[in-house]
């Protein structure tokens, strides 16, 4: 199971986007995520106000591991995998 995690690089303290409208509701609840629809977007996303390091620690406790990380414009993206 792959799971993307995104954060604007200029806001390394949060908010952190942790899922899309198809994400596991149980995992989103565990992360304390809120579902939102940003004006102009045709999709929903889950986010938390936590810094990425806190979210990554929570996901690690659930068995997720970072597979890769990259920067896309002003956004940092981590790809995680759970075996």
Protein backbone atom coordinates (compact mmCIF):
# COMPACT_ATOMS: atom_id res chain seq x y z
CA UNK A 1 0.00 0.00 0.00
CA UNK A 2 1.58 3.29 -1.07
CA UNK A 3 0.65 6.50 0.68
CA UNK A 4 1.65 10.03 -0.41
CA UNK A 5 2.31 12.80 2.10
CA UNK A 6 2.74 16.45 1.05
CA UNK A 7 3.71 19.69 2.72
CA UNK A 8 4.49 23.16 1.33
CA UNK A 9 8.27 23.54 1.78
CA UNK A 10 7.89 27.08 3.07
CA UNK A 11 5.57 25.81 5.83
CA UNK A 12 7.60 22.93 7.24
CA UNK A 13 5.55 23.10 10.45
CA UNK A 14 2.23 22.32 8.74
CA UNK A 15 -0.39 21.98 7.53
CA UNK A 16 0.44 18.62 6.00
CA UNK A 17 -1.73 16.99 3.33
CA UNK A 18 -2.04 13.33 4.30
CA UNK A 19 -4.56 11.81 1.90
CA UNK A 20 -7.20 12.16 -0.76
CA UNK A 21 -10.92 11.44 -0.81
CA UNK A 22 -10.22 7.70 -1.28
CA UNK A 23 -7.88 7.35 1.72
CA UNK A 24 -8.55 4.89 4.54
CA UNK A 25 -10.93 6.68 6.96
CA UNK A 26 -9.49 4.73 9.92
CA UNK A 27 -5.96 5.88 9.15
CA UNK A 28 -7.13 9.45 8.60
CA UNK A 29 -8.87 9.36 11.99
CA UNK A 30 -5.69 8.00 13.63
CA UNK A 31 -3.73 10.91 12.15
CA UNK A 32 -6.37 13.39 13.33
CA UNK A 33 -6.95 14.50 9.74
CA UNK A 34 -9.73 16.78 8.56
CA UNK A 35 -11.34 16.43 5.12
CA UNK A 36 -11.54 19.63 3.07
CA UNK A 37 -12.24 20.87 -0.43
CA UNK A 38 -10.16 23.88 -1.47
CA UNK A 39 -11.92 26.52 -3.57
CA UNK A 40 -11.45 25.73 -7.25
CA UNK A 41 -10.47 22.09 -6.73
CA UNK A 42 -12.73 19.27 -7.89
CA UNK A 43 -11.43 16.85 -5.27
CA UNK A 44 -11.27 16.48 -1.50
CA UNK A 45 -8.12 16.08 0.59
CA UNK A 46 -7.26 15.23 4.16
CA UNK A 47 -4.88 17.45 6.10
CA UNK A 48 -3.49 17.88 9.60
CA UNK A 49 -1.95 20.94 11.22
CA UNK A 50 1.01 18.84 12.44
CA UNK A 51 4.50 19.15 11.01
CA UNK A 52 5.52 16.42 8.56
CA UNK A 53 7.96 14.87 11.07
CA UNK A 54 5.10 14.26 13.51
CA UNK A 55 2.94 12.71 10.79
CA UNK A 56 5.85 10.56 9.60
CA UNK A 57 6.44 9.32 13.17
CA UNK A 58 2.75 8.40 13.53
CA UNK A 59 2.77 6.55 10.20
CA UNK A 60 5.96 4.71 11.16
CA UNK A 61 4.22 3.45 14.32
CA UNK A 62 1.57 1.94 11.98
CA UNK A 63 4.18 0.11 9.90
CA UNK A 64 4.71 2.62 7.09
CA UNK A 65 8.23 3.30 5.80
CA UNK A 66 9.49 6.17 3.64
CA UNK A 67 10.33 4.90 0.15
CA UNK A 68 11.23 8.22 -1.47
CA UNK A 69 11.08 11.97 -1.03
CA UNK A 70 11.23 14.81 -3.55
CA UNK A 71 10.48 18.47 -3.98
CA UNK A 72 7.88 19.60 -6.51
CA UNK A 73 7.91 23.37 -6.82
CA UNK A 74 7.19 24.72 -3.35
CA UNK A 75 5.94 21.34 -2.11
CA UNK A 76 7.76 18.46 -0.41
CA UNK A 77 6.37 14.97 -1.17
CA UNK A 78 7.10 11.74 0.69
CA UNK A 79 6.03 8.34 -0.64
CA UNK A 80 5.48 5.68 2.01
CA UNK A 81 4.84 1.94 1.81
CA UNK A 82 3.29 -0.47 4.26
CA UNK A 83 4.16 -4.15 3.96
